[in-house]
């Protein structure tokens, strides 16, 4: 059974940075894409970024383009979301998604 565990969330001021991690267990191969979503009461669950199994061709939602970077380390079965120049509107619970599984999420709070 595949399990995803996010970490790295926290509270930062606007303009700051955080790096989220998503550890994947229960899978012996890396032939899957990984995605990050975020959820807020106002917008619901929103797509943030995706990356394929090889780590190439990342895709980003427009609000985070140029500020967030998605990556993965297949040797560690871990995905990452580097978030720079954070804005108040980036606040939310961030979830990792892969292989039809979801993590429990990690809270990101950006204050002005």
PDB file of N, CA and C in Angstrom:
ATOM      1  N   UNK A   1       0.849  -1.180   0.000  1.00  0.00           N
ATOM      2  CA  UNK A   1       0.000   0.000   0.000  1.00  0.00           C
ATOM      3  C   UNK A   1       0.896   1.245   0.000  1.00  0.00           C
ATOM      4  N   UNK A   2       0.625   2.126  -0.956  1.00  0.00           N
ATOM      5  CA  UNK A   2       1.419   3.344  -1.081  1.00  0.00           C
ATOM      6  C   UNK A   2       1.022   4.344   0.003  1.00  0.00           C
ATOM      7  N   UNK A   3       2.017   4.946   0.627  1.00  0.00           N
ATOM      8  CA  UNK A   3       1.767   5.990   1.620  1.00  0.00           C
ATOM      9  C   UNK A   3       2.623   7.206   1.295  1.00  0.00           C
ATOM     10  N   UNK A   4       2.047   8.372   1.468  1.00  0.00           N
ATOM     11  CA  UNK A   4       2.742   9.627   1.232  1.00  0.00           C
ATOM     12  C   UNK A   4       2.758  10.428   2.527  1.00  0.00           C
ATOM     13  N   UNK A   5       3.910  10.996   2.852  1.00  0.00           N
ATOM     14  CA  UNK A   5       4.022  11.808   4.057  1.00  0.00           C
ATOM     15  C   UNK A   5       4.688  13.127   3.700  1.00  0.00           C
ATOM     16  N   UNK A   6       3.943  14.213   3.878  1.00  0.00           N
ATOM     17  CA  UNK A   6       4.492  15.546   3.621  1.00  0.00           C
ATOM     18  C   UNK A   6       5.155  16.102   4.870  1.00  0.00           C
ATOM     19  N   UNK A   7       6.137  16.955   4.665  1.00  0.00           N
ATOM     20  CA  UNK A   7       6.785  17.654   5.764  1.00  0.00           C
ATOM     21  C   UNK A   7       7.364  18.957   5.244  1.00  0.00           C
ATOM     22  N   UNK A   8       7.771  19.817   6.177  1.00  0.00           N
ATOM     23  CA  UNK A   8       8.439  21.053   5.797  1.00  0.00           C
ATOM     24  C   UNK A   8       7.589  22.304   5.879  1.00  0.00           C
ATOM     25  N   UNK A   9       6.317  22.138   6.194  1.00  0.00           N
ATOM     26  CA  UNK A   9       5.475  23.320   6.306  1.00  0.00           C
ATOM     27  C   UNK A   9       5.859  24.157   7.517  1.00  0.00           C
ATOM     28  N   UNK A  10       5.266  25.338   7.613  1.00  0.00           N
ATOM     29  CA  UNK A  10       5.548  26.218   8.737  1.00  0.00           C
ATOM     30  C   UNK A  10       4.997  27.596   8.496  1.00  0.00           C
ATOM     31  N   UNK A  11       5.426  28.521   9.327  1.00  0.00           N
ATOM     32  CA  UNK A  11       4.984  29.908   9.236  1.00  0.00           C
ATOM     33  C   UNK A  11       6.158  30.785   8.838  1.00  0.00           C
ATOM     34  N   UNK A  12       5.940  31.603   7.819  1.00  0.00           N
ATOM     35  CA  UNK A  12       6.986  32.512   7.351  1.00  0.00           C
ATOM     36  C   UNK A  12       6.357  33.857   7.014  1.00  0.00           C
ATOM     37  N   UNK A  13       7.192  34.858   6.915  1.00  0.00           N
ATOM     38  CA  UNK A  13       6.721  36.159   6.461  1.00  0.00           C
ATOM     39  C   UNK A  13       6.738  36.217   4.942  1.00  0.00           C
ATOM     40  N   UNK A  14       5.929  37.078   4.410  1.00  0.00           N
ATOM     41  CA  UNK A  14       5.902  37.258   2.963  1.00  0.00           C
ATOM     42  C   UNK A  14       7.300  37.560   2.442  1.00  0.00           C
ATOM     43  N   UNK A  15       7.632  36.923   1.334  1.00  0.00           N
ATOM     44  CA  UNK A  15       8.961  37.051   0.767  1.00  0.00           C
ATOM     45  C   UNK A  15       9.907  35.942   1.173  1.00  0.00           C
ATOM     46  N   UNK A  16       9.508  35.170   2.164  1.00  0.00           N
ATOM     47  CA  UNK A  16      10.338  34.088   2.647  1.00  0.00           C
ATOM     48  C   UNK A  16      10.240  32.837   1.799  1.00  0.00           C
ATOM     49  N   UNK A  17      10.905  31.782   2.272  1.00  0.00           N
ATOM     50  CA  UNK A  17      10.974  30.522   1.528  1.00  0.00           C
ATOM     51  C   UNK A  17      10.714  29.335   2.444  1.00  0.00           C
ATOM     52  N   UNK A  18      10.199  28.292   1.847  1.00  0.00           N
ATOM     53  CA  UNK A  18      10.035  27.002   2.518  1.00  0.00           C
ATOM     54  C   UNK A  18      10.272  25.917   1.488  1.00  0.00           C
ATOM     55  N   UNK A  19      10.734  24.761   1.964  1.00  0.00           N
ATOM     56  CA  UNK A  19      10.832  23.600   1.087  1.00  0.00           C
ATOM     57  C   UNK A  19      10.012  22.470   1.680  1.00  0.00           C
ATOM     58  N   UNK A  20       9.051  22.006   0.923  1.00  0.00           N
ATOM     59  CA  UNK A  20       8.224  20.884   1.342  1.00  0.00           C
ATOM     60  C   UNK A  20       8.814  19.586   0.787  1.00  0.00           C
ATOM     61  N   UNK A  21       8.631  18.523   1.527  1.00  0.00           N
ATOM     62  CA  UNK A  21       9.057  17.200   1.085  1.00  0.00           C
ATOM     63  C   UNK A  21       7.874  16.253   1.105  1.00  0.00           C
ATOM     64  N   UNK A  22       7.931  15.261   0.233  1.00  0.00           N
ATOM     65  CA  UNK A  22       6.898  14.224   0.169  1.00  0.00           C
ATOM     66  C   UNK A  22       7.598  12.879   0.077  1.00  0.00           C
ATOM     67  N   UNK A  23       7.573  12.130   1.161  1.00  0.00           N
ATOM     68  CA  UNK A  23       8.205  10.818   1.196  1.00  0.00           C
ATOM     69  C   UNK A  23       7.202   9.762   0.781  1.00  0.00           C
ATOM     70  N   UNK A  24       7.598   8.933  -0.191  1.00  0.00           N
ATOM     71  CA  UNK A  24       6.731   7.886  -0.726  1.00  0.00           C
ATOM     72  C   UNK A  24       7.218   6.530  -0.248  1.00  0.00           C
ATOM     73  N   UNK A  25       6.326   5.742   0.294  1.00  0.00           N
ATOM     74  CA  UNK A  25       6.680   4.389   0.700  1.00  0.00           C
ATOM     75  C   UNK A  25       5.673   3.403   0.134  1.00  0.00           C
ATOM     76  N   UNK A  26       6.076   2.119   0.082  1.00  0.00           N
ATOM     77  CA  UNK A  26       5.182   1.087  -0.415  1.00  0.00           C
ATOM     78  C   UNK A  26       5.215   0.893  -1.913  1.00  0.00           C
ATOM     79  N   UNK A  27       6.220   1.498  -2.556  1.00  0.00           N
ATOM     80  CA  UNK A  27       6.336   1.364  -4.008  1.00  0.00           C
ATOM     81  C   UNK A  27       7.791   1.054  -4.338  1.00  0.00           C
ATOM     82  N   UNK A  28       8.039   0.030  -5.158  1.00  0.00           N
ATOM     83  CA  UNK A  28       9.418  -0.366  -5.427  1.00  0.00           C
ATOM     84  C   UNK A  28       9.976   0.258  -6.701  1.00  0.00           C
ATOM     85  N   UNK A  29       9.125   0.836  -7.535  1.00  0.00           N
ATOM     86  CA  UNK A  29       9.596   1.510  -8.750  1.00  0.00           C
ATOM     87  C   UNK A  29       9.213   2.984  -8.705  1.00  0.00           C
ATOM     88  N   UNK A  30       9.824   3.771  -9.581  1.00  0.00           N
ATOM     89  CA  UNK A  30       9.605   5.216  -9.580  1.00  0.00           C
ATOM     90  C   UNK A  30       8.865   5.702 -10.817  1.00  0.00           C
ATOM     91  N   UNK A  31       8.166   4.823 -11.484  1.00  0.00           N
ATOM     92  CA  UNK A  31       7.527   5.168 -12.742  1.00  0.00           C
ATOM     93  C   UNK A  31       6.163   5.817 -12.527  1.00  0.00           C
ATOM     94  N   UNK A  32       6.142   6.884 -11.772  1.00  0.00           N
ATOM     95  CA  UNK A  32       4.890   7.574 -11.497  1.00  0.00           C
ATOM     96  C   UNK A  32       5.149   9.072 -11.423  1.00  0.00           C
ATOM     97  N   UNK A  33       4.129   9.824 -11.734  1.00  0.00           N
ATOM     98  CA  UNK A  33       4.206  11.270 -11.605  1.00  0.00           C
ATOM     99  C   UNK A  33       3.864  11.675 -10.179  1.00  0.00           C
ATOM    100  N   UNK A  34       4.317  12.840  -9.805  1.00  0.00           N
ATOM    101  CA  UNK A  34       3.994  13.386  -8.488  1.00  0.00           C
ATOM    102  C   UNK A  34       3.405  14.778  -8.660  1.00  0.00           C
ATOM    103  N   UNK A  35       2.475  15.089  -7.821  1.00  0.00           N
ATOM    104  CA  UNK A  35       1.806  16.386  -7.901  1.00  0.00           C
ATOM    105  C   UNK A  35       1.698  17.000  -6.510  1.00  0.00           C
ATOM    106  N   UNK A  36       1.653  18.305  -6.488  1.00  0.00           N
ATOM    107  CA  UNK A  36       1.368  19.057  -5.272  1.00  0.00           C
ATOM    108  C   UNK A  36       0.083  19.848  -5.478  1.00  0.00           C
ATOM    109  N   UNK A  37      -0.741  19.830  -4.467  1.00  0.00           N
ATOM    110  CA  UNK A  37      -1.964  20.619  -4.433  1.00  0.00           C
ATOM    111  C   UNK A  37      -1.958  21.425  -3.136  1.00  0.00           C
ATOM    112  N   UNK A  38      -2.794  22.439  -3.083  1.00  0.00           N
ATOM    113  CA  UNK A  38      -2.995  23.153  -1.836  1.00  0.00           C
ATOM    114  C   UNK A  38      -4.487  23.409  -1.653  1.00  0.00           C
ATOM    115  N   UNK A  39      -4.877  23.548  -0.406  1.00  0.00           N
ATOM    116  CA  UNK A  39      -6.296  23.708  -0.101  1.00  0.00           C
ATOM    117  C   UNK A  39      -6.509  24.863   0.845  1.00  0.00           C
ATOM    118  N   UNK A  40      -7.484  25.693   0.540  1.00  0.00           N
ATOM    119  CA  UNK A  40      -7.900  26.788   1.397  1.00  0.00           C
ATOM    120  C   UNK A  40      -9.421  26.783   1.455  1.00  0.00           C
ATOM    121  N   UNK A  41      -9.985  27.349   2.492  1.00  0.00           N
ATOM    122  CA  UNK A  41     -11.454  27.417   2.570  1.00  0.00           C
ATOM    123  C   UNK A  41     -12.057  28.209   1.410  1.00  0.00           C
ATOM    124  N   UNK A  42     -11.313  29.199   0.919  1.00  0.00           N
ATOM    125  CA  UNK A  42     -11.852  30.062  -0.126  1.00  0.00           C
ATOM    126  C   UNK A  42     -11.842  29.378  -1.493  1.00  0.00           C
ATOM    127  N   UNK A  43     -10.755  28.700  -1.823  1.00  0.00           N
ATOM    128  CA  UNK A  43     -10.580  28.155  -3.166  1.00  0.00           C
ATOM    129  C   UNK A  43     -10.750  26.649  -3.246  1.00  0.00           C
ATOM    130  N   UNK A  44     -10.836  25.979  -2.106  1.00  0.00           N
ATOM    131  CA  UNK A  44     -10.875  24.533  -2.140  1.00  0.00           C
ATOM    132  C   UNK A  44      -9.507  23.973  -2.488  1.00  0.00           C
ATOM    133  N   UNK A  45      -9.457  22.802  -3.118  1.00  0.00           N
ATOM    134  CA  UNK A  45      -8.195  22.185  -3.471  1.00  0.00           C
ATOM    135  C   UNK A  45      -7.752  22.687  -4.850  1.00  0.00           C
ATOM    136  N   UNK A  46      -6.535  23.186  -4.913  1.00  0.00           N
ATOM    137  CA  UNK A  46      -6.001  23.825  -6.114  1.00  0.00           C
ATOM    138  C   UNK A  46      -4.712  23.138  -6.532  1.00  0.00           C
ATOM    139  N   UNK A  47      -4.575  22.836  -7.819  1.00  0.00           N
ATOM    140  CA  UNK A  47      -3.347  22.268  -8.349  1.00  0.00           C
ATOM    141  C   UNK A  47      -2.213  23.279  -8.235  1.00  0.00           C
ATOM    142  N   UNK A  48      -1.037  22.800  -7.828  1.00  0.00           N
ATOM    143  CA  UNK A  48       0.127  23.676  -7.702  1.00  0.00           C
ATOM    144  C   UNK A  48       1.186  23.328  -8.732  1.00  0.00           C
ATOM    145  N   UNK A  49       1.617  22.057  -8.751  1.00  0.00           N
ATOM    146  CA  UNK A  49       2.707  21.677  -9.651  1.00  0.00           C
ATOM    147  C   UNK A  49       2.719  20.172  -9.832  1.00  0.00           C
ATOM    148  N   UNK A  50       3.355  19.723 -10.913  1.00  0.00           N
ATOM    149  CA  UNK A  50       3.470  18.295 -11.192  1.00  0.00           C
ATOM    150  C   UNK A  50       4.814  18.020 -11.840  1.00  0.00           C
ATOM    151  N   UNK A  51       5.269  16.783 -11.673  1.00  0.00           N
ATOM    152  CA  UNK A  51       6.535  16.373 -12.276  1.00  0.00           C
ATOM    153  C   UNK A  51       6.412  14.912 -12.686  1.00  0.00           C
ATOM    154  N   UNK A  52       7.002  14.539 -13.813  1.00  0.00           N
ATOM    155  CA  UNK A  52       6.888  13.146 -14.262  1.00  0.00           C
ATOM    156  C   UNK A  52       7.957  12.284 -13.590  1.00  0.00           C
ATOM    157  N   UNK A  53       7.991  11.014 -13.969  1.00  0.00           N
ATOM    158  CA  UNK A  53       8.847  10.068 -13.258  1.00  0.00           C
ATOM    159  C   UNK A  53      10.324  10.395 -13.410  1.00  0.00           C
ATOM    160  N   UNK A  54      10.700  10.981 -14.536  1.00  0.00           N
ATOM    161  CA  UNK A  54      12.121  11.254 -14.766  1.00  0.00           C
ATOM    162  C   UNK A  54      12.554  12.602 -14.194  1.00  0.00           C
ATOM    163  N   UNK A  55      11.611  13.382 -13.740  1.00  0.00           N
ATOM    164  CA  UNK A  55      11.957  14.696 -13.218  1.00  0.00           C
ATOM    165  C   UNK A  55      11.993  15.785 -14.262  1.00  0.00           C
ATOM    166  N   UNK A  56      11.606  15.452 -15.468  1.00  0.00           N
ATOM    167  CA  UNK A  56      11.619  16.450 -16.537  1.00  0.00           C
ATOM    168  C   UNK A  56      10.224  17.026 -16.728  1.00  0.00           C
ATOM    169  N   UNK A  57      10.156  18.073 -17.518  1.00  0.00           N
ATOM    170  CA  UNK A  57       8.895  18.694 -17.903  1.00  0.00           C
ATOM    171  C   UNK A  57       7.980  19.016 -16.724  1.00  0.00           C
ATOM    172  N   UNK A  58       8.452  19.770 -15.753  1.00  0.00           N
ATOM    173  CA  UNK A  58       7.563  20.163 -14.666  1.00  0.00           C
ATOM    174  C   UNK A  58       6.464  21.087 -15.171  1.00  0.00           C
ATOM    175  N   UNK A  59       5.345  21.023 -14.505  1.00  0.00           N
ATOM    176  CA  UNK A  59       4.188  21.843 -14.855  1.00  0.00           C
ATOM    177  C   UNK A  59       3.770  22.633 -13.619  1.00  0.00           C
ATOM    178  N   UNK A  60       3.433  23.888 -13.813  1.00  0.00           N
ATOM    179  CA  UNK A  60       3.054  24.748 -12.690  1.00  0.00           C
ATOM    180  C   UNK A  60       1.761  25.480 -12.974  1.00  0.00           C
ATOM    181  N   UNK A  61       1.014  25.707 -11.925  1.00  0.00           N
ATOM    182  CA  UNK A  61      -0.138  26.581 -12.047  1.00  0.00           C
ATOM    183  C   UNK A  61       0.374  28.024 -12.129  1.00  0.00           C
ATOM    184  N   UNK A  62      -0.335  28.839 -12.867  1.00  0.00           N
ATOM    185  CA  UNK A  62       0.147  30.205 -13.117  1.00  0.00           C
ATOM    186  C   UNK A  62       0.506  30.999 -11.856  1.00  0.00           C
ATOM    187  N   UNK A  63      -0.273  30.918 -10.788  1.00  0.00           N
ATOM    188  CA  UNK A  63       0.048  31.752  -9.611  1.00  0.00           C
ATOM    189  C   UNK A  63       1.417  31.468  -8.982  1.00  0.00           C
ATOM    190  N   UNK A  64       2.003  30.307  -9.264  1.00  0.00           N
ATOM    191  CA  UNK A  64       3.273  29.956  -8.617  1.00  0.00           C
ATOM    192  C   UNK A  64       4.444  29.921  -9.584  1.00  0.00           C
ATOM    193  N   UNK A  65       4.181  30.114 -10.854  1.00  0.00           N
ATOM    194  CA  UNK A  65       5.256  30.070 -11.854  1.00  0.00           C
ATOM    195  C   UNK A  65       6.325  31.100 -11.541  1.00  0.00           C
ATOM    196  N   UNK A  66       7.567  30.668 -11.637  1.00  0.00           N
ATOM    197  CA  UNK A  66       8.690  31.559 -11.377  1.00  0.00           C
ATOM    198  C   UNK A  66       9.056  31.677  -9.909  1.00  0.00           C
ATOM    199  N   UNK A  67       8.210  31.135  -9.026  1.00  0.00           N
ATOM    200  CA  UNK A  67       8.490  31.208  -7.580  1.00  0.00           C
ATOM    201  C   UNK A  67       8.671  29.829  -6.962  1.00  0.00           C
ATOM    202  N   UNK A  68       7.945  28.845  -7.463  1.00  0.00           N
ATOM    203  CA  UNK A  68       8.013  27.486  -6.916  1.00  0.00           C
ATOM    204  C   UNK A  68       8.774  26.590  -7.881  1.00  0.00           C
ATOM    205  N   UNK A  69       9.471  25.605  -7.317  1.00  0.00           N
ATOM    206  CA  UNK A  69      10.171  24.616  -8.125  1.00  0.00           C
ATOM    207  C   UNK A  69       9.873  23.228  -7.586  1.00  0.00           C
ATOM    208  N   UNK A  70       9.361  22.365  -8.457  1.00  0.00           N
ATOM    209  CA  UNK A  70       9.089  20.984  -8.076  1.00  0.00           C
ATOM    210  C   UNK A  70      10.255  20.117  -8.535  1.00  0.00           C
ATOM    211  N   UNK A  71      10.612  19.149  -7.716  1.00  0.00           N
ATOM    212  CA  UNK A  71      11.707  18.246  -8.069  1.00  0.00           C
ATOM    213  C   UNK A  71      11.490  16.913  -7.364  1.00  0.00           C
ATOM    214  N   UNK A  72      12.337  15.963  -7.661  1.00  0.00           N
ATOM    215  CA  UNK A  72      12.232  14.662  -6.991  1.00  0.00           C
ATOM    216  C   UNK A  72      13.595  13.997  -6.955  1.00  0.00           C
ATOM    217  N   UNK A  73      13.762  13.133  -5.976  1.00  0.00           N
ATOM    218  CA  UNK A  73      14.952  12.312  -5.856  1.00  0.00           C
ATOM    219  C   UNK A  73      14.485  10.865  -5.815  1.00  0.00           C
ATOM    220  N   UNK A  74      14.560  10.183  -6.936  1.00  0.00           N
ATOM    221  CA  UNK A  74      14.034   8.828  -7.011  1.00  0.00           C
ATOM    222  C   UNK A  74      14.814   7.855  -6.133  1.00  0.00           C
ATOM    223  N   UNK A  75      16.072   8.132  -5.906  1.00  0.00           N
ATOM    224  CA  UNK A  75      16.857   7.253  -5.029  1.00  0.00           C
ATOM    225  C   UNK A  75      16.330   7.302  -3.593  1.00  0.00           C
ATOM    226  N   UNK A  76      15.726   8.426  -3.238  1.00  0.00           N
ATOM    227  CA  UNK A  76      15.180   8.589  -1.881  1.00  0.00           C
ATOM    228  C   UNK A  76      13.669   8.448  -1.850  1.00  0.00           C
ATOM    229  N   UNK A  77      13.060   8.188  -3.016  1.00  0.00           N
ATOM    230  CA  UNK A  77      11.591   8.104  -3.093  1.00  0.00           C
ATOM    231  C   UNK A  77      10.929   9.334  -2.482  1.00  0.00           C
ATOM    232  N   UNK A  78      11.464  10.464  -2.801  1.00  0.00           N
ATOM    233  CA  UNK A  78      10.996  11.710  -2.196  1.00  0.00           C
ATOM    234  C   UNK A  78      10.820  12.789  -3.257  1.00  0.00           C
ATOM    235  N   UNK A  79       9.743  13.521  -3.130  1.00  0.00           N
ATOM    236  CA  UNK A  79       9.510  14.679  -3.968  1.00  0.00           C
ATOM    237  C   UNK A  79       9.634  15.937  -3.139  1.00  0.00           C
ATOM    238  N   UNK A  80       9.871  17.052  -3.840  1.00  0.00           N
ATOM    239  CA  UNK A  80      10.101  18.320  -3.149  1.00  0.00           C
ATOM    240  C   UNK A  80       9.331  19.441  -3.831  1.00  0.00           C
ATOM    241  N   UNK A  81       9.022  20.447  -3.042  1.00  0.00           N
ATOM    242  CA  UNK A  81       8.455  21.674  -3.588  1.00  0.00           C
ATOM    243  C   UNK A  81       9.178  22.834  -2.914  1.00  0.00           C
ATOM    244  N   UNK A  82      10.077  23.463  -3.643  1.00  0.00           N
ATOM    245  CA  UNK A  82      10.784  24.639  -3.139  1.00  0.00           C
ATOM    246  C   UNK A  82       9.923  25.858  -3.424  1.00  0.00           C
ATOM    247  N   UNK A  83       9.609  26.600  -2.383  1.00  0.00           N
ATOM    248  CA  UNK A  83       8.726  27.754  -2.509  1.00  0.00           C
ATOM    249  C   UNK A  83       9.481  29.009  -2.099  1.00  0.00           C
ATOM    250  N   UNK A  84       9.672  29.898  -3.042  1.00  0.00           N
ATOM    251  CA  UNK A  84      10.372  31.159  -2.794  1.00  0.00           C
ATOM    252  C   UNK A  84       9.425  32.328  -3.005  1.00  0.00           C
ATOM    253  N   UNK A  85       9.823  33.473  -2.514  1.00  0.00           N
ATOM    254  CA  UNK A  85       9.021  34.705  -2.660  1.00  0.00           C
ATOM    255  C   UNK A  85       7.572  34.452  -2.272  1.00  0.00           C
ATOM    256  N   UNK A  86       7.401  33.840  -1.135  1.00  0.00           N
ATOM    257  CA  UNK A  86       6.057  33.449  -0.703  1.00  0.00           C
ATOM    258  C   UNK A  86       5.169  34.671  -0.485  1.00  0.00           C
ATOM    259  N   UNK A  87       3.901  34.491  -0.802  1.00  0.00           N
ATOM    260  CA  UNK A  87       2.895  35.536  -0.655  1.00  0.00           C
ATOM    261  C   UNK A  87       1.834  35.079   0.340  1.00  0.00           C
ATOM    262  N   UNK A  88       1.103  36.032   0.873  1.00  0.00           N
ATOM    263  CA  UNK A  88       0.052  35.692   1.820  1.00  0.00           C
ATOM    264  C   UNK A  88      -0.940  34.720   1.189  1.00  0.00           C
ATOM    265  N   UNK A  89      -1.205  34.904  -0.086  1.00  0.00           N
ATOM    266  CA  UNK A  89      -2.177  34.039  -0.766  1.00  0.00           C
ATOM    267  C   UNK A  89      -1.660  32.619  -1.018  1.00  0.00           C
ATOM    268  N   UNK A  90      -0.409  32.340  -0.680  1.00  0.00           N
ATOM    269  CA  UNK A  90       0.102  30.975  -0.752  1.00  0.00           C
ATOM    270  C   UNK A  90      -0.258  30.163   0.488  1.00  0.00           C
ATOM    271  N   UNK A  91      -0.835  30.814   1.461  1.00  0.00           N
ATOM    272  CA  UNK A  91      -1.237  30.131   2.689  1.00  0.00           C
ATOM    273  C   UNK A  91      -2.232  29.028   2.389  1.00  0.00           C
ATOM    274  N   UNK A  92      -2.034  27.880   3.022  1.00  0.00           N
ATOM    275  CA  UNK A  92      -2.951  26.770   2.837  1.00  0.00           C
ATOM    276  C   UNK A  92      -2.322  25.475   3.328  1.00  0.00           C
ATOM    277  N   UNK A  93      -3.075  24.408   3.192  1.00  0.00           N
ATOM    278  CA  UNK A  93      -2.563  23.071   3.487  1.00  0.00           C
ATOM    279  C   UNK A  93      -2.088  22.471   2.166  1.00  0.00           C
ATOM    280  N   UNK A  94      -0.854  22.033   2.143  1.00  0.00           N
ATOM    281  CA  UNK A  94      -0.248  21.506   0.925  1.00  0.00           C
ATOM    282  C   UNK A  94      -0.232  19.983   0.975  1.00  0.00           C
ATOM    283  N   UNK A  95      -0.712  19.389  -0.105  1.00  0.00           N
ATOM    284  CA  UNK A  95      -0.827  17.940  -0.199  1.00  0.00           C
ATOM    285  C   UNK A  95       0.009  17.413  -1.360  1.00  0.00           C
ATOM    286  N   UNK A  96       0.579  16.251  -1.134  1.00  0.00           N
ATOM    287  CA  UNK A  96       1.278  15.520  -2.178  1.00  0.00           C
ATOM    288  C   UNK A  96       0.342  14.437  -2.708  1.00  0.00           C
ATOM    289  N   UNK A  97       0.402  14.201  -4.011  1.00  0.00           N
ATOM    290  CA  UNK A  97      -0.442  13.195  -4.651  1.00  0.00           C
ATOM    291  C   UNK A  97       0.391  12.376  -5.621  1.00  0.00           C
ATOM    292  N   UNK A  98       0.270  11.069  -5.523  1.00  0.00           N
ATOM    293  CA  UNK A  98       0.940  10.163  -6.459  1.00  0.00           C
ATOM    294  C   UNK A  98       0.260   8.811  -6.369  1.00  0.00           C
ATOM    295  N   UNK A  99       0.175   8.128  -7.496  1.00  0.00           N
ATOM    296  CA  UNK A  99      -0.356   6.758  -7.520  1.00  0.00           C
ATOM    297  C   UNK A  99      -1.732   6.677  -6.847  1.00  0.00           C
ATOM    298  N   UNK A 100      -2.546   7.667  -7.065  1.00  0.00           N
ATOM    299  CA  UNK A 100      -3.907   7.724  -6.526  1.00  0.00           C
ATOM    300  C   UNK A 100      -3.931   7.780  -5.001  1.00  0.00           C
ATOM    301  N   UNK A 101      -2.816   8.116  -4.391  1.00  0.00           N
ATOM    302  CA  UNK A 101      -2.746   8.256  -2.942  1.00  0.00           C
ATOM    303  C   UNK A 101      -2.476   9.714  -2.583  1.00  0.00           C
ATOM    304  N   UNK A 102      -2.908  10.070  -1.386  1.00  0.00           N
ATOM    305  CA  UNK A 102      -2.709  11.426  -0.882  1.00  0.00           C
ATOM    306  C   UNK A 102      -2.063  11.365   0.499  1.00  0.00           C
ATOM    307  N   UNK A 103      -1.232  12.360   0.760  1.00  0.00           N
ATOM    308  CA  UNK A 103      -0.727  12.507   2.115  1.00  0.00           C
ATOM    309  C   UNK A 103      -1.737  13.232   2.981  1.00  0.00           C
ATOM    310  N   UNK A 104      -1.381  13.433   4.235  1.00  0.00           N
ATOM    311  CA  UNK A 104      -2.271  14.124   5.175  1.00  0.00           C
ATOM    312  C   UNK A 104      -2.139  15.631   5.094  1.00  0.00           C
ATOM    313  N   UNK A 105      -1.117  16.112   4.401  1.00  0.00           N
ATOM    314  CA  UNK A 105      -0.947  17.537   4.211  1.00  0.00           C
ATOM    315  C   UNK A 105      -0.028  18.170   5.233  1.00  0.00           C
ATOM    316  N   UNK A 106       0.507  19.328   4.854  1.00  0.00           N
ATOM    317  CA  UNK A 106       1.351  20.115   5.746  1.00  0.00           C
ATOM    318  C   UNK A 106       0.934  21.582   5.608  1.00  0.00           C
ATOM    319  N   UNK A 107       0.793  22.243   6.737  1.00  0.00           N
ATOM    320  CA  UNK A 107       0.280  23.607   6.754  1.00  0.00           C
ATOM    321  C   UNK A 107       1.383  24.613   6.417  1.00  0.00           C
ATOM    322  N   UNK A 108       1.061  25.521   5.509  1.00  0.00           N
ATOM    323  CA  UNK A 108       1.939  26.644   5.177  1.00  0.00           C
ATOM    324  C   UNK A 108       1.178  27.925   5.487  1.00  0.00           C
ATOM    325  N   UNK A 109       1.763  28.766   6.314  1.00  0.00           N
ATOM    326  CA  UNK A 109       1.140  30.040   6.669  1.00  0.00           C
ATOM    327  C   UNK A 109       2.109  31.168   6.357  1.00  0.00           C
ATOM    328  N   UNK A 110       1.663  32.085   5.518  1.00  0.00           N
ATOM    329  CA  UNK A 110       2.490  33.230   5.131  1.00  0.00           C
ATOM    330  C   UNK A 110       1.822  34.492   5.662  1.00  0.00           C
ATOM    331  N   UNK A 111       2.552  35.244   6.453  1.00  0.00           N
ATOM    332  CA  UNK A 111       2.009  36.465   7.048  1.00  0.00           C
ATOM    333  C   UNK A 111       2.627  37.696   6.402  1.00  0.00           C
ATOM    334  N   UNK A 112       1.863  38.776   6.454  1.00  0.00           N
ATOM    335  CA  UNK A 112       2.347  40.018   5.815  1.00  0.00           C
ATOM    336  C   UNK A 112       3.205  40.824   6.760  1.00  0.00           C
TER     337      UNK A 112
END
